[in-house]
Amino acid sequence: MKRVRIDFAPPSLARTLHRTGALAWSLALLALLLCAGAGFIGWQTMARQRALDNQLALVRAQSATPVVVLAAAPPPPVGAPQAAAINAAVMQLNLPWRALRDAVADATPKGVALLALEPDPRRFSMKITAEAKTSDEMIGYIERLKQQELFTAVALQRHEINELDPNKPIRFQIDAQWSAR
């Protein structure tokens, strides 16, 4: 027959301790040992930190002598040719490439073929070489370039008919000045 536990006693600490099994006691003992180990490791870490702080204070006290900082030698002077090359590169980098490209692209109709764009940053101008089928398309293209806000002056520099091509297109060159904002 199976043993039946009948207990009418009120709950108390003594009764709980008496009924606690061996597994619960071993888990509690393990937890207590882990806490003690963590406390010991924390105490050792704090002691090591204090020792390092004391060593740091000693080193700082010993190195209270002023630190001498040596100034770097001045860079060699830039020669005139090198300065000119640097300035030319800076001017090339500061060109408003996107605005120029967009203005030319907006003004270029389908009947005009762009052959070359040659900006001159010193004069704030751009030489545009293009081809058109007719002189009316060439004149219309120049007028459309004049209407672009970026360009302040647009002028036809030269034009010629390409006799070697069977379509005989007109090859022309435009000088477009842009504003140096």
C-alpha atoms as a PDB file:
ATOM      1  CA  MET A   1       0.000   0.000   0.000  1.00  0.00           C
ATOM      2  CA  LYS A   2       1.113   3.498  -0.783  1.00  0.00           C
ATOM      3  CA  ARG A   3       2.036   5.795   2.045  1.00  0.00           C
ATOM      4  CA  VAL A   4      -0.280   8.826   2.395  1.00  0.00           C
ATOM      5  CA  ARG A   5       1.007  12.070   3.857  1.00  0.00           C
ATOM      6  CA  ILE A   6      -1.549  13.861   5.890  1.00  0.00           C
ATOM      7  CA  ASP A   7      -0.331  17.004   7.584  1.00  0.00           C
ATOM      8  CA  PHE A   8      -2.695  19.385   9.334  1.00  0.00           C
ATOM      9  CA  ALA A   9       0.046  21.519  10.904  1.00  0.00           C
ATOM     10  CA  PRO A  10       0.058  25.212   9.994  1.00  0.00           C
ATOM     11  CA  PRO A  11       2.781  26.266   7.491  1.00  0.00           C
ATOM     12  CA  SER A  12       6.020  27.258   9.214  1.00  0.00           C
ATOM     13  CA  LEU A  13       9.724  27.601   8.512  1.00  0.00           C
ATOM     14  CA  ALA A  14      10.586  24.435  10.425  1.00  0.00           C
ATOM     15  CA  ARG A  15       8.075  22.417   8.438  1.00  0.00           C
ATOM     16  CA  THR A  16       9.389  23.858   5.095  1.00  0.00           C
ATOM     17  CA  LEU A  17      12.983  23.062   6.038  1.00  0.00           C
ATOM     18  CA  HIS A  18      12.012  19.558   7.074  1.00  0.00           C
ATOM     19  CA  ARG A  19      10.161  18.880   3.808  1.00  0.00           C
ATOM     20  CA  THR A  20      12.801  20.361   1.472  1.00  0.00           C
ATOM     21  CA  GLY A  21      14.433  17.637  -0.592  1.00  0.00           C
ATOM     22  CA  ALA A  22      18.133  16.912  -1.086  1.00  0.00           C
ATOM     23  CA  LEU A  23      18.097  18.299  -4.659  1.00  0.00           C
ATOM     24  CA  ALA A  24      16.809  21.682  -3.502  1.00  0.00           C
ATOM     25  CA  TRP A  25      19.453  21.790  -0.704  1.00  0.00           C
ATOM     26  CA  SER A  26      22.254  20.975  -3.170  1.00  0.00           C
ATOM     27  CA  LEU A  27      21.031  23.662  -5.610  1.00  0.00           C
ATOM     28  CA  ALA A  28      20.890  26.215  -2.807  1.00  0.00           C
ATOM     29  CA  LEU A  29      24.409  25.254  -1.688  1.00  0.00           C
ATOM     30  CA  LEU A  30      25.671  25.548  -5.286  1.00  0.00           C
ATOM     31  CA  ALA A  31      24.091  29.001  -5.636  1.00  0.00           C
ATOM     32  CA  LEU A  32      25.681  30.080  -2.351  1.00  0.00           C
ATOM     33  CA  LEU A  33      29.100  28.866  -3.509  1.00  0.00           C
ATOM     34  CA  LEU A  34      28.735  30.687  -6.841  1.00  0.00           C
ATOM     35  CA  CYS A  35      27.814  33.926  -5.071  1.00  0.00           C
ATOM     36  CA  ALA A  36      30.790  33.573  -2.746  1.00  0.00           C
ATOM     37  CA  GLY A  37      33.104  32.940  -5.727  1.00  0.00           C
ATOM     38  CA  ALA A  38      31.758  35.980  -7.584  1.00  0.00           C
ATOM     39  CA  GLY A  39      32.226  38.121  -4.472  1.00  0.00           C
ATOM     40  CA  PHE A  40      35.823  36.913  -4.106  1.00  0.00           C
ATOM     41  CA  ILE A  41      36.615  37.630  -7.770  1.00  0.00           C
ATOM     42  CA  GLY A  42      35.054  41.092  -7.438  1.00  0.00           C
ATOM     43  CA  TRP A  43      37.140  41.789  -4.337  1.00  0.00           C
ATOM     44  CA  GLN A  44      40.326  40.708  -6.193  1.00  0.00           C
ATOM     45  CA  THR A  45      39.430  42.930  -9.170  1.00  0.00           C
ATOM     46  CA  MET A  46      38.876  45.939  -6.908  1.00  0.00           C
ATOM     47  CA  ALA A  47      42.235  45.294  -5.175  1.00  0.00           C
ATOM     48  CA  ARG A  48      43.981  45.057  -8.574  1.00  0.00           C
ATOM     49  CA  GLN A  49      42.266  48.295  -9.674  1.00  0.00           C
ATOM     50  CA  ARG A  50      43.456  50.100  -6.541  1.00  0.00           C
ATOM     51  CA  ALA A  51      47.021  48.876  -7.157  1.00  0.00           C
ATOM     52  CA  LEU A  52      46.915  50.094 -10.766  1.00  0.00           C
ATOM     53  CA  ASP A  53      45.526  53.453  -9.657  1.00  0.00           C
ATOM     54  CA  ASN A  54      48.401  53.801  -7.188  1.00  0.00           C
ATOM     55  CA  GLN A  55      50.939  52.956  -9.922  1.00  0.00           C
ATOM     56  CA  LEU A  56      49.339  55.498 -12.260  1.00  0.00           C
ATOM     57  CA  ALA A  57      49.506  58.183  -9.599  1.00  0.00           C
ATOM     58  CA  LEU A  58      53.203  57.378  -9.065  1.00  0.00           C
ATOM     59  CA  VAL A  59      53.955  57.601 -12.784  1.00  0.00           C
ATOM     60  CA  ARG A  60      52.090  60.896 -13.062  1.00  0.00           C
ATOM     61  CA  ALA A  61      53.962  62.305 -10.083  1.00  0.00           C
ATOM     62  CA  GLN A  62      57.310  61.236 -11.551  1.00  0.00           C
ATOM     63  CA  SER A  63      56.523  62.640 -14.993  1.00  0.00           C
ATOM     64  CA  ALA A  64      55.446  66.038 -13.726  1.00  0.00           C
ATOM     65  CA  THR A  65      58.356  67.504 -15.645  1.00  0.00           C
ATOM     66  CA  PRO A  66      57.217  69.705 -18.523  1.00  0.00           C
ATOM     67  CA  VAL A  67      57.024  68.050 -21.906  1.00  0.00           C
ATOM     68  CA  VAL A  68      58.948  69.768 -24.688  1.00  0.00           C
ATOM     69  CA  VAL A  69      57.129  69.698 -28.018  1.00  0.00           C
ATOM     70  CA  LEU A  70      59.315  70.192 -31.031  1.00  0.00           C
ATOM     71  CA  ALA A  71      57.799  72.277 -33.780  1.00  0.00           C
ATOM     72  CA  ALA A  72      57.765  70.716 -37.210  1.00  0.00           C
ATOM     73  CA  ALA A  73      60.006  72.243 -39.798  1.00  0.00           C
ATOM     74  CA  PRO A  74      58.193  74.647 -42.100  1.00  0.00           C
ATOM     75  CA  PRO A  75      57.296  73.152 -45.460  1.00  0.00           C
ATOM     76  CA  PRO A  76      59.570  74.092 -48.327  1.00  0.00           C
ATOM     77  CA  PRO A  77      58.372  77.045 -50.375  1.00  0.00           C
ATOM     78  CA  VAL A  78      56.347  76.251 -53.467  1.00  0.00           C
ATOM     79  CA  GLY A  79      57.991  77.313 -56.711  1.00  0.00           C
ATOM     80  CA  ALA A  80      56.217  79.374 -59.357  1.00  0.00           C
ATOM     81  CA  PRO A  81      55.774  76.504 -61.868  1.00  0.00           C
ATOM     82  CA  GLN A  82      54.469  74.194 -59.170  1.00  0.00           C
ATOM     83  CA  ALA A  83      52.095  76.902 -57.882  1.00  0.00           C
ATOM     84  CA  ALA A  84      50.794  77.454 -61.410  1.00  0.00           C
ATOM     85  CA  ALA A  85      50.204  73.713 -61.850  1.00  0.00           C
ATOM     86  CA  ILE A  86      48.381  73.511 -58.518  1.00  0.00           C
ATOM     87  CA  ASN A  87      46.213  76.524 -59.380  1.00  0.00           C
ATOM     88  CA  ALA A  88      45.361  75.031 -62.783  1.00  0.00           C
ATOM     89  CA  ALA A  89      44.344  71.750 -61.152  1.00  0.00           C
ATOM     90  CA  VAL A  90      42.210  73.581 -58.597  1.00  0.00           C
ATOM     91  CA  MET A  91      40.508  75.570 -61.354  1.00  0.00           C
ATOM     92  CA  GLN A  92      39.750  72.333 -63.234  1.00  0.00           C
ATOM     93  CA  LEU A  93      38.303  70.765 -60.078  1.00  0.00           C
ATOM     94  CA  ASN A  94      36.185  73.835 -59.346  1.00  0.00           C
ATOM     95  CA  LEU A  95      34.535  73.835 -62.764  1.00  0.00           C
ATOM     96  CA  PRO A  96      30.740  73.628 -62.544  1.00  0.00           C
ATOM     97  CA  TRP A  97      30.772  70.428 -64.623  1.00  0.00           C
ATOM     98  CA  ARG A  98      27.265  69.277 -63.796  1.00  0.00           C
ATOM     99  CA  ALA A  99      25.685  72.668 -64.457  1.00  0.00           C
ATOM    100  CA  LEU A 100      27.573  73.056 -67.755  1.00  0.00           C
ATOM    101  CA  ARG A 101      26.652  69.551 -68.906  1.00  0.00           C
ATOM    102  CA  ASP A 102      23.007  70.013 -67.955  1.00  0.00           C
ATOM    103  CA  ALA A 103      22.764  73.415 -69.693  1.00  0.00           C
ATOM    104  CA  VAL A 104      24.303  72.053 -72.899  1.00  0.00           C
ATOM    105  CA  ALA A 105      22.170  68.894 -72.775  1.00  0.00           C
ATOM    106  CA  ASP A 106      18.963  70.900 -72.230  1.00  0.00           C
ATOM    107  CA  ALA A 107      19.703  73.113 -75.237  1.00  0.00           C
ATOM    108  CA  THR A 108      20.807  70.355 -77.623  1.00  0.00           C
ATOM    109  CA  PRO A 109      18.027  69.216 -80.003  1.00  0.00           C
ATOM    110  CA  LYS A 110      17.929  65.806 -81.691  1.00  0.00           C
ATOM    111  CA  GLY A 111      19.210  67.179 -85.008  1.00  0.00           C
ATOM    112  CA  VAL A 112      22.495  68.389 -83.467  1.00  0.00           C
ATOM    113  CA  ALA A 113      25.339  66.016 -82.593  1.00  0.00           C
ATOM    114  CA  LEU A 114      27.843  67.157 -79.962  1.00  0.00           C
ATOM    115  CA  LEU A 115      31.430  66.294 -80.882  1.00  0.00           C
ATOM    116  CA  ALA A 116      33.470  68.004 -78.146  1.00  0.00           C
ATOM    117  CA  LEU A 117      33.164  70.154 -75.033  1.00  0.00           C
ATOM    118  CA  GLU A 118      36.361  72.014 -74.090  1.00  0.00           C
ATOM    119  CA  PRO A 119      36.018  74.214 -70.989  1.00  0.00           C
ATOM    120  CA  ASP A 120      38.538  76.980 -70.294  1.00  0.00           C
ATOM    121  CA  PRO A 121      38.325  77.757 -66.557  1.00  0.00           C
ATOM    122  CA  ARG A 122      40.565  80.833 -66.801  1.00  0.00           C
ATOM    123  CA  ARG A 123      38.221  82.611 -69.199  1.00  0.00           C
ATOM    124  CA  PHE A 124      35.011  80.998 -67.863  1.00  0.00           C
ATOM    125  CA  SER A 125      34.220  79.813 -71.352  1.00  0.00           C
ATOM    126  CA  MET A 126      33.552  76.574 -73.161  1.00  0.00           C
ATOM    127  CA  LYS A 127      34.203  75.637 -76.784  1.00  0.00           C
ATOM    128  CA  ILE A 128      31.458  73.416 -78.125  1.00  0.00           C
ATOM    129  CA  THR A 129      32.068  71.523 -81.352  1.00  0.00           C
ATOM    130  CA  ALA A 130      28.944  70.063 -82.954  1.00  0.00           C
ATOM    131  CA  GLU A 131      27.391  68.993 -86.257  1.00  0.00           C
ATOM    132  CA  ALA A 132      23.957  69.773 -87.645  1.00  0.00           C
ATOM    133  CA  LYS A 133      22.151  68.666 -90.796  1.00  0.00           C
ATOM    134  CA  THR A 134      21.035  72.164 -91.748  1.00  0.00           C
ATOM    135  CA  SER A 135      22.046  75.718 -91.029  1.00  0.00           C
ATOM    136  CA  ASP A 136      18.617  76.341 -89.485  1.00  0.00           C
ATOM    137  CA  GLU A 137      19.300  73.653 -86.858  1.00  0.00           C
ATOM    138  CA  MET A 138      22.697  75.236 -86.157  1.00  0.00           C
ATOM    139  CA  ILE A 139      21.189  78.703 -85.662  1.00  0.00           C
ATOM    140  CA  GLY A 140      18.357  77.264 -83.551  1.00  0.00           C
ATOM    141  CA  TYR A 141      20.886  75.489 -81.335  1.00  0.00           C
ATOM    142  CA  ILE A 142      22.843  78.703 -80.801  1.00  0.00           C
ATOM    143  CA  GLU A 143      19.631  80.525 -79.884  1.00  0.00           C
ATOM    144  CA  ARG A 144      18.675  77.794 -77.404  1.00  0.00           C
ATOM    145  CA  LEU A 145      22.125  78.033 -75.786  1.00  0.00           C
ATOM    146  CA  LYS A 146      21.675  81.811 -75.446  1.00  0.00           C
ATOM    147  CA  GLN A 147      18.436  81.190 -73.531  1.00  0.00           C
ATOM    148  CA  GLN A 148      20.217  79.051 -70.883  1.00  0.00           C
ATOM    149  CA  GLU A 149      20.651  80.963 -67.608  1.00  0.00           C
ATOM    150  CA  LEU A 150      24.169  79.654 -67.010  1.00  0.00           C
ATOM    151  CA  PHE A 151      25.599  81.140 -70.204  1.00  0.00           C
ATOM    152  CA  THR A 152      26.141  84.907 -70.400  1.00  0.00           C
ATOM    153  CA  ALA A 153      27.366  85.042 -74.011  1.00  0.00           C
ATOM    154  CA  VAL A 154      27.185  82.520 -76.845  1.00  0.00           C
ATOM    155  CA  ALA A 155      28.878  83.151 -80.190  1.00  0.00           C
ATOM    156  CA  LEU A 156      29.486  81.115 -83.313  1.00  0.00           C
ATOM    157  CA  GLN A 157      33.255  80.935 -83.874  1.00  0.00           C
ATOM    158  CA  ARG A 158      33.433  79.053 -87.185  1.00  0.00           C
ATOM    159  CA  HIS A 159      31.475  76.660 -89.351  1.00  0.00           C
ATOM    160  CA  GLU A 160      32.150  74.507 -92.397  1.00  0.00           C
ATOM    161  CA  ILE A 161      30.376  71.930 -94.491  1.00  0.00           C
ATOM    162  CA  ASN A 162      31.911  68.464 -94.270  1.00  0.00           C
ATOM    163  CA  GLU A 163      32.236  67.557 -97.954  1.00  0.00           C
ATOM    164  CA  LEU A 164      33.689  64.116 -97.189  1.00  0.00           C
ATOM    165  CA  ASP A 165      30.503  62.954 -95.478  1.00  0.00           C
ATOM    166  CA  PRO A 166      27.709  61.881 -97.891  1.00  0.00           C
ATOM    167  CA  ASN A 167      25.111  63.721 -95.747  1.00  0.00           C
ATOM    168  CA  LYS A 168      27.217  66.921 -95.912  1.00  0.00           C
ATOM    169  CA  PRO A 169      26.597  68.043 -92.295  1.00  0.00           C
ATOM    170  CA  ILE A 170      27.602  71.461 -91.048  1.00  0.00           C
ATOM    171  CA  ARG A 171      30.380  71.241 -88.472  1.00  0.00           C
ATOM    172  CA  PHE A 172      30.534  74.321 -86.262  1.00  0.00           C
ATOM    173  CA  GLN A 173      32.269  75.611 -83.166  1.00  0.00           C
ATOM    174  CA  ILE A 174      30.617  77.797 -80.506  1.00  0.00           C
ATOM    175  CA  ASP A 175      32.235  79.799 -77.711  1.00  0.00           C
ATOM    176  CA  ALA A 176      29.931  79.972 -74.659  1.00  0.00           C
ATOM    177  CA  GLN A 177      30.825  82.168 -71.693  1.00  0.00           C
ATOM    178  CA  TRP A 178      29.366  81.218 -68.308  1.00  0.00           C
ATOM    179  CA  SER A 179      28.921  83.342 -65.233  1.00  0.00           C
ATOM    180  CA  ALA A 180      31.507  82.964 -62.451  1.00  0.00           C
ATOM    181  CA  ARG A 181      29.110  82.881 -59.512  1.00  0.00           C
END
